[in-house]
PDB file of N, CA and C in Angstrom:
ATOM      1  N   UNK A   1       0.850  -1.170   0.000  1.00  0.00           N
ATOM      2  CA  UNK A   1       0.000   0.000   0.000  1.00  0.00           C
ATOM      3  C   UNK A   1       0.896   1.233   0.000  1.00  0.00           C
ATOM      4  N   UNK A   2       0.559   2.201  -0.838  1.00  0.00           N
ATOM      5  CA  UNK A   2       1.337   3.427  -0.952  1.00  0.00           C
ATOM      6  C   UNK A   2       0.368   4.604  -0.918  1.00  0.00           C
ATOM      7  N   UNK A   3       0.506   5.487   0.053  1.00  0.00           N
ATOM      8  CA  UNK A   3      -0.364   6.651   0.184  1.00  0.00           C
ATOM      9  C   UNK A   3      -1.836   6.273   0.285  1.00  0.00           C
ATOM     10  N   UNK A   4      -2.138   5.150   0.909  1.00  0.00           N
ATOM     11  CA  UNK A   4      -3.526   4.746   1.077  1.00  0.00           C
ATOM     12  C   UNK A   4      -4.151   4.097  -0.137  1.00  0.00           C
ATOM     13  N   UNK A   5      -3.382   3.827  -1.173  1.00  0.00           N
ATOM     14  CA  UNK A   5      -3.894   3.198  -2.385  1.00  0.00           C
ATOM     15  C   UNK A   5      -3.164   1.886  -2.623  1.00  0.00           C
ATOM     16  N   UNK A   6      -3.823   0.974  -3.301  1.00  0.00           N
ATOM     17  CA  UNK A   6      -3.244  -0.319  -3.636  1.00  0.00           C
ATOM     18  C   UNK A   6      -3.321  -0.488  -5.145  1.00  0.00           C
ATOM     19  N   UNK A   7      -2.232  -0.925  -5.748  1.00  0.00           N
ATOM     20  CA  UNK A   7      -2.246  -1.223  -7.177  1.00  0.00           C
ATOM     21  C   UNK A   7      -2.605  -2.686  -7.357  1.00  0.00           C
ATOM     22  N   UNK A   8      -3.582  -2.950  -8.239  1.00  0.00           N
ATOM     23  CA  UNK A   8      -4.023  -4.307  -8.513  1.00  0.00           C
ATOM     24  C   UNK A   8      -3.777  -4.632  -9.980  1.00  0.00           C
ATOM     25  N   UNK A   9      -2.998  -5.649 -10.267  1.00  0.00           N
ATOM     26  CA  UNK A   9      -2.780  -6.028 -11.665  1.00  0.00           C
ATOM     27  C   UNK A   9      -4.025  -6.711 -12.237  1.00  0.00           C
ATOM     28  N   UNK A  10      -4.296  -6.472 -13.503  1.00  0.00           N
ATOM     29  CA  UNK A  10      -5.404  -7.137 -14.195  1.00  0.00           C
ATOM     30  C   UNK A  10      -4.889  -7.709 -15.507  1.00  0.00           C
ATOM     31  N   UNK A  11      -5.564  -8.723 -15.996  1.00  0.00           N
ATOM     32  CA  UNK A  11      -5.202  -9.326 -17.271  1.00  0.00           C
ATOM     33  C   UNK A  11      -6.323  -9.052 -18.263  1.00  0.00           C
ATOM     34  N   UNK A  12      -5.974  -8.414 -19.382  1.00  0.00           N
ATOM     35  CA  UNK A  12      -6.931  -8.081 -20.434  1.00  0.00           C
ATOM     36  C   UNK A  12      -6.401  -8.570 -21.769  1.00  0.00           C
ATOM     37  N   UNK A  13      -7.308  -8.775 -22.704  1.00  0.00           N
ATOM     38  CA  UNK A  13      -6.869  -9.076 -24.066  1.00  0.00           C
ATOM     39  C   UNK A  13      -6.335  -7.791 -24.685  1.00  0.00           C
ATOM     40  N   UNK A  14      -5.604  -7.911 -25.775  1.00  0.00           N
ATOM     41  CA  UNK A  14      -5.098  -6.721 -26.468  1.00  0.00           C
ATOM     42  C   UNK A  14      -6.246  -5.812 -26.889  1.00  0.00           C
ATOM     43  N   UNK A  15      -7.325  -6.407 -27.387  1.00  0.00           N
ATOM     44  CA  UNK A  15      -8.472  -5.619 -27.846  1.00  0.00           C
ATOM     45  C   UNK A  15      -9.126  -4.859 -26.691  1.00  0.00           C
ATOM     46  N   UNK A  16      -9.268  -5.522 -25.548  1.00  0.00           N
ATOM     47  CA  UNK A  16      -9.857  -4.861 -24.381  1.00  0.00           C
ATOM     48  C   UNK A  16      -8.983  -3.704 -23.913  1.00  0.00           C
ATOM     49  N   UNK A  17      -7.686  -3.917 -23.863  1.00  0.00           N
ATOM     50  CA  UNK A  17      -6.762  -2.869 -23.429  1.00  0.00           C
ATOM     51  C   UNK A  17      -6.811  -1.675 -24.374  1.00  0.00           C
ATOM     52  N   UNK A  18      -6.868  -1.940 -25.679  1.00  0.00           N
ATOM     53  CA  UNK A  18      -6.945  -0.857 -26.665  1.00  0.00           C
ATOM     54  C   UNK A  18      -8.252  -0.087 -26.524  1.00  0.00           C
ATOM     55  N   UNK A  19      -9.354  -0.790 -26.290  1.00  0.00           N
ATOM     56  CA  UNK A  19     -10.653  -0.139 -26.137  1.00  0.00           C
ATOM     57  C   UNK A  19     -10.681   0.749 -24.891  1.00  0.00           C
ATOM     58  N   UNK A  20     -10.139   0.263 -23.799  1.00  0.00           N
ATOM     59  CA  UNK A  20     -10.105   1.058 -22.566  1.00  0.00           C
ATOM     60  C   UNK A  20      -9.215   2.283 -22.743  1.00  0.00           C
ATOM     61  N   UNK A  21      -8.088   2.120 -23.416  1.00  0.00           N
ATOM     62  CA  UNK A  21      -7.199   3.250 -23.686  1.00  0.00           C
ATOM     63  C   UNK A  21      -7.902   4.278 -24.564  1.00  0.00           C
ATOM     64  N   UNK A  22      -8.640   3.820 -25.571  1.00  0.00           N
ATOM     65  CA  UNK A  22      -9.378   4.728 -26.455  1.00  0.00           C
ATOM     66  C   UNK A  22     -10.463   5.474 -25.682  1.00  0.00           C
ATOM     67  N   UNK A  23     -11.159   4.785 -24.781  1.00  0.00           N
ATOM     68  CA  UNK A  23     -12.185   5.438 -23.965  1.00  0.00           C
ATOM     69  C   UNK A  23     -11.575   6.541 -23.103  1.00  0.00           C
ATOM     70  N   UNK A  24     -10.431   6.264 -22.514  1.00  0.00           N
ATOM     71  CA  UNK A  24      -9.765   7.269 -21.672  1.00  0.00           C
ATOM     72  C   UNK A  24      -9.387   8.493 -22.497  1.00  0.00           C
ATOM     73  N   UNK A  25      -8.810   8.270 -23.682  1.00  0.00           N
ATOM     74  CA  UNK A  25      -8.436   9.401 -24.550  1.00  0.00           C
ATOM     75  C   UNK A  25      -9.666  10.198 -24.958  1.00  0.00           C
ATOM     76  N   UNK A  26     -10.752   9.521 -25.320  1.00  0.00           N
ATOM     77  CA  UNK A  26     -11.982  10.192 -25.733  1.00  0.00           C
ATOM     78  C   UNK A  26     -12.526  11.078 -24.615  1.00  0.00           C
ATOM     79  N   UNK A  27     -12.439  10.600 -23.388  1.00  0.00           N
ATOM     80  CA  UNK A  27     -12.955  11.351 -22.247  1.00  0.00           C
ATOM     81  C   UNK A  27     -11.956  12.364 -21.707  1.00  0.00           C
ATOM     82  N   UNK A  28     -10.743  12.367 -22.243  1.00  0.00           N
ATOM     83  CA  UNK A  28      -9.745  13.350 -21.841  1.00  0.00           C
ATOM     84  C   UNK A  28      -9.188  13.131 -20.444  1.00  0.00           C
ATOM     85  N   UNK A  29      -9.127  11.876 -20.012  1.00  0.00           N
ATOM     86  CA  UNK A  29      -8.571  11.560 -18.695  1.00  0.00           C
ATOM     87  C   UNK A  29      -7.403  10.606 -18.863  1.00  0.00           C
ATOM     88  N   UNK A  30      -6.580  10.532 -17.837  1.00  0.00           N
ATOM     89  CA  UNK A  30      -5.450   9.612 -17.899  1.00  0.00           C
ATOM     90  C   UNK A  30      -5.959   8.177 -17.816  1.00  0.00           C
ATOM     91  N   UNK A  31      -5.189   7.261 -18.363  1.00  0.00           N
ATOM     92  CA  UNK A  31      -5.568   5.853 -18.326  1.00  0.00           C
ATOM     93  C   UNK A  31      -5.705   5.348 -16.887  1.00  0.00           C
ATOM     94  N   UNK A  32      -4.764   5.660 -15.971  1.00  0.00           N
ATOM     95  CA  UNK A  32      -4.946   5.201 -14.585  1.00  0.00           C
ATOM     96  C   UNK A  32      -6.231   5.731 -13.935  1.00  0.00           C
ATOM     97  N   UNK A  33      -6.578   7.007 -14.188  1.00  0.00           N
ATOM     98  CA  UNK A  33      -7.820   7.555 -13.632  1.00  0.00           C
ATOM     99  C   UNK A  33      -9.035   6.834 -14.205  1.00  0.00           C
ATOM    100  N   UNK A  34      -9.008   6.560 -15.512  1.00  0.00           N
ATOM    101  CA  UNK A  34     -10.131   5.873 -16.158  1.00  0.00           C
ATOM    102  C   UNK A  34     -10.270   4.448 -15.624  1.00  0.00           C
ATOM    103  N   UNK A  35      -9.157   3.754 -15.471  1.00  0.00           N
ATOM    104  CA  UNK A  35      -9.200   2.392 -14.931  1.00  0.00           C
ATOM    105  C   UNK A  35      -9.728   2.388 -13.499  1.00  0.00           C
ATOM    106  N   UNK A  36      -9.319   3.358 -12.701  1.00  0.00           N
ATOM    107  CA  UNK A  36      -9.821   3.451 -11.326  1.00  0.00           C
ATOM    108  C   UNK A  36     -11.325   3.674 -11.314  1.00  0.00           C
ATOM    109  N   UNK A  37     -11.806   4.565 -12.193  1.00  0.00           N
ATOM    110  CA  UNK A  37     -13.242   4.834 -12.279  1.00  0.00           C
ATOM    111  C   UNK A  37     -14.001   3.569 -12.668  1.00  0.00           C
ATOM    112  N   UNK A  38     -13.525   2.872 -13.703  1.00  0.00           N
ATOM    113  CA  UNK A  38     -14.208   1.657 -14.170  1.00  0.00           C
ATOM    114  C   UNK A  38     -14.241   0.590 -13.085  1.00  0.00           C
ATOM    115  N   UNK A  39     -13.148   0.442 -12.371  1.00  0.00           N
ATOM    116  CA  UNK A  39     -13.079  -0.558 -11.302  1.00  0.00           C
ATOM    117  C   UNK A  39     -14.061  -0.221 -10.188  1.00  0.00           C
ATOM    118  N   UNK A  40     -14.085   1.037  -9.766  1.00  0.00           N
ATOM    119  CA  UNK A  40     -15.003   1.441  -8.697  1.00  0.00           C
ATOM    120  C   UNK A  40     -16.459   1.328  -9.141  1.00  0.00           C
ATOM    121  N   UNK A  41     -16.742   1.706 -10.390  1.00  0.00           N
ATOM    122  CA  UNK A  41     -18.113   1.611 -10.897  1.00  0.00           C
ATOM    123  C   UNK A  41     -18.585   0.164 -10.903  1.00  0.00           C
ATOM    124  N   UNK A  42     -17.723  -0.743 -11.325  1.00  0.00           N
ATOM    125  CA  UNK A  42     -18.098  -2.150 -11.356  1.00  0.00           C
ATOM    126  C   UNK A  42     -18.261  -2.755  -9.975  1.00  0.00           C
ATOM    127  N   UNK A  43     -17.431  -2.352  -9.056  1.00  0.00           N
ATOM    128  CA  UNK A  43     -17.453  -2.951  -7.723  1.00  0.00           C
ATOM    129  C   UNK A  43     -18.471  -2.304  -6.785  1.00  0.00           C
ATOM    130  N   UNK A  44     -18.625  -0.985  -6.878  1.00  0.00           N
ATOM    131  CA  UNK A  44     -19.426  -0.267  -5.885  1.00  0.00           C
ATOM    132  C   UNK A  44     -20.599   0.510  -6.472  1.00  0.00           C
ATOM    133  N   UNK A  45     -20.719   0.576  -7.784  1.00  0.00           N
ATOM    134  CA  UNK A  45     -21.791   1.332  -8.418  1.00  0.00           C
ATOM    135  C   UNK A  45     -21.291   2.670  -8.942  1.00  0.00           C
ATOM    136  N   UNK A  46     -22.024   3.215  -9.896  1.00  0.00           N
ATOM    137  CA  UNK A  46     -21.583   4.433 -10.578  1.00  0.00           C
ATOM    138  C   UNK A  46     -21.590   5.664  -9.682  1.00  0.00           C
ATOM    139  N   UNK A  47     -22.501   5.744  -8.727  1.00  0.00           N
ATOM    140  CA  UNK A  47     -22.524   6.928  -7.863  1.00  0.00           C
ATOM    141  C   UNK A  47     -21.269   7.007  -7.011  1.00  0.00           C
ATOM    142  N   UNK A  48     -20.820   5.881  -6.487  1.00  0.00           N
ATOM    143  CA  UNK A  48     -19.582   5.872  -5.700  1.00  0.00           C
ATOM    144  C   UNK A  48     -18.396   6.246  -6.588  1.00  0.00           C
ATOM    145  N   UNK A  49     -18.353   5.685  -7.789  1.00  0.00           N
ATOM    146  CA  UNK A  49     -17.235   5.951  -8.697  1.00  0.00           C
ATOM    147  C   UNK A  49     -17.199   7.419  -9.100  1.00  0.00           C
ATOM    148  N   UNK A  50     -18.363   8.016  -9.345  1.00  0.00           N
ATOM    149  CA  UNK A  50     -18.418   9.406  -9.792  1.00  0.00           C
ATOM    150  C   UNK A  50     -17.837  10.354  -8.749  1.00  0.00           C
ATOM    151  N   UNK A  51     -18.108  10.125  -7.476  1.00  0.00           N
ATOM    152  CA  UNK A  51     -17.600  11.046  -6.454  1.00  0.00           C
ATOM    153  C   UNK A  51     -16.089  10.928  -6.279  1.00  0.00           C
ATOM    154  N   UNK A  52     -15.474   9.888  -6.848  1.00  0.00           N
ATOM    155  CA  UNK A  52     -14.030   9.704  -6.754  1.00  0.00           C
ATOM    156  C   UNK A  52     -13.286  10.295  -7.954  1.00  0.00           C
ATOM    157  N   UNK A  53     -14.025  10.842  -8.937  1.00  0.00           N
ATOM    158  CA  UNK A  53     -13.379  11.414 -10.117  1.00  0.00           C
ATOM    159  C   UNK A  53     -12.584  12.659  -9.749  1.00  0.00           C
ATOM    160  N   UNK A  54     -11.482  12.909 -10.468  1.00  0.00           N
ATOM    161  CA  UNK A  54     -10.759  14.164 -10.251  1.00  0.00           C
ATOM    162  C   UNK A  54     -11.669  15.342 -10.593  1.00  0.00           C
ATOM    163  N   UNK A  55     -11.579  16.426  -9.848  1.00  0.00           N
ATOM    164  CA  UNK A  55     -12.424  17.591 -10.051  1.00  0.00           C
ATOM    165  C   UNK A  55     -11.628  18.643 -10.810  1.00  0.00           C
ATOM    166  N   UNK A  56     -12.218  19.151 -11.896  1.00  0.00           N
ATOM    167  CA  UNK A  56     -11.575  20.202 -12.671  1.00  0.00           C
ATOM    168  C   UNK A  56     -11.894  21.557 -12.068  1.00  0.00           C
ATOM    169  N   UNK A  57     -11.005  22.503 -12.266  1.00  0.00           N
ATOM    170  CA  UNK A  57     -11.242  23.858 -11.802  1.00  0.00           C
ATOM    171  C   UNK A  57     -12.172  24.610 -12.741  1.00  0.00           C
ATOM    172  N   UNK A  58     -12.547  25.799 -12.358  1.00  0.00           N
ATOM    173  CA  UNK A  58     -13.430  26.636 -13.157  1.00  0.00           C
ATOM    174  C   UNK A  58     -12.661  27.232 -14.323  1.00  0.00           C
ATOM    175  N   UNK A  59     -13.295  27.292 -15.484  1.00  0.00           N
ATOM    176  CA  UNK A  59     -12.718  27.933 -16.652  1.00  0.00           C
ATOM    177  C   UNK A  59     -13.465  29.238 -16.870  1.00  0.00           C
ATOM    178  N   UNK A  60     -12.746  30.349 -16.945  1.00  0.00           N
ATOM    179  CA  UNK A  60     -13.384  31.641 -17.152  1.00  0.00           C
ATOM    180  C   UNK A  60     -13.666  32.338 -15.831  1.00  0.00           C
ATOM    181  N   UNK A  61     -14.366  33.476 -15.921  1.00  0.00           N
ATOM    182  CA  UNK A  61     -14.678  34.256 -14.728  1.00  0.00           C
ATOM    183  C   UNK A  61     -15.960  33.749 -14.085  1.00  0.00           C
ATOM    184  N   UNK A  62     -16.212  34.196 -12.863  1.00  0.00           N
ATOM    185  CA  UNK A  62     -17.454  33.823 -12.177  1.00  0.00           C
ATOM    186  C   UNK A  62     -18.665  34.329 -12.941  1.00  0.00           C
ATOM    187  N   UNK A  63     -18.564  35.545 -13.508  1.00  0.00           N
ATOM    188  CA  UNK A  63     -19.680  36.102 -14.274  1.00  0.00           C
ATOM    189  C   UNK A  63     -19.995  35.236 -15.492  1.00  0.00           C
ATOM    190  N   UNK A  64     -18.960  34.770 -16.180  1.00  0.00           N
ATOM    191  CA  UNK A  64     -19.179  33.910 -17.342  1.00  0.00           C
ATOM    192  C   UNK A  64     -19.827  32.598 -16.929  1.00  0.00           C
ATOM    193  N   UNK A  65     -19.385  32.043 -15.826  1.00  0.00           N
ATOM    194  CA  UNK A  65     -19.951  30.783 -15.349  1.00  0.00           C
ATOM    195  C   UNK A  65     -21.415  30.964 -14.969  1.00  0.00           C
ATOM    196  N   UNK A  66     -21.736  32.089 -14.300  1.00  0.00           N
ATOM    197  CA  UNK A  66     -23.112  32.342 -13.875  1.00  0.00           C
ATOM    198  C   UNK A  66     -24.044  32.578 -15.055  1.00  0.00           C
ATOM    199  N   UNK A  67     -23.535  33.226 -16.112  1.00  0.00           N
ATOM    200  CA  UNK A  67     -24.388  33.537 -17.257  1.00  0.00           C
ATOM    201  C   UNK A  67     -24.435  32.407 -18.274  1.00  0.00           C
ATOM    202  N   UNK A  68     -23.573  31.411 -18.120  1.00  0.00           N
ATOM    203  CA  UNK A  68     -23.556  30.300 -19.063  1.00  0.00           C
ATOM    204  C   UNK A  68     -22.747  30.589 -20.309  1.00  0.00           C
ATOM    205  N   UNK A  69     -22.055  31.741 -20.355  1.00  0.00           N
ATOM    206  CA  UNK A  69     -21.235  32.077 -21.515  1.00  0.00           C
ATOM    207  C   UNK A  69     -19.924  31.324 -21.475  1.00  0.00           C
ATOM    208  N   UNK A  70     -19.347  31.142 -22.646  1.00  0.00           N
ATOM    209  CA  UNK A  70     -18.047  30.498 -22.746  1.00  0.00           C
ATOM    210  C   UNK A  70     -16.972  31.558 -22.859  1.00  0.00           C
ATOM    211  N   UNK A  71     -15.730  31.145 -22.620  1.00  0.00           N
ATOM    212  CA  UNK A  71     -14.609  32.069 -22.766  1.00  0.00           C
ATOM    213  C   UNK A  71     -14.468  32.502 -24.214  1.00  0.00           C
ATOM    214  N   UNK A  72     -13.841  33.630 -24.429  1.00  0.00           N
ATOM    215  CA  UNK A  72     -13.583  34.106 -25.775  1.00  0.00           C
ATOM    216  C   UNK A  72     -14.705  34.954 -26.339  1.00  0.00           C
ATOM    217  N   UNK A  73     -15.675  35.309 -25.530  1.00  0.00           N
ATOM    218  CA  UNK A  73     -16.753  36.175 -25.976  1.00  0.00           C
ATOM    219  C   UNK A  73     -17.794  35.481 -26.821  1.00  0.00           C
ATOM    220  N   UNK A  74     -17.740  34.175 -26.920  1.00  0.00           N
ATOM    221  CA  UNK A  74     -18.732  33.449 -27.716  1.00  0.00           C
ATOM    222  C   UNK A  74     -19.943  33.184 -26.841  1.00  0.00           C
ATOM    223  N   UNK A  75     -21.118  33.657 -27.254  1.00  0.00           N
ATOM    224  CA  UNK A  75     -22.312  33.453 -26.416  1.00  0.00           C
ATOM    225  C   UNK A  75     -22.760  32.010 -26.400  1.00  0.00           C
TER     226      UNK A  75
END
């Protein structure tokens, strides 16, 4: 155990590994984060897995976030 986490090895086919890697890239997350999410979702349910996702910071100003506008002046 390192920093309260345990690494667990898994065995996948080449096709499964490629598909999981593609899913991670599509979602814009690292492969380890995606694998952790999938493992937690399968073992404990999606609600538990979702609360363990990394949280992104705010993009833009508070006013833009409140009004629903995107950065760059695009409405």
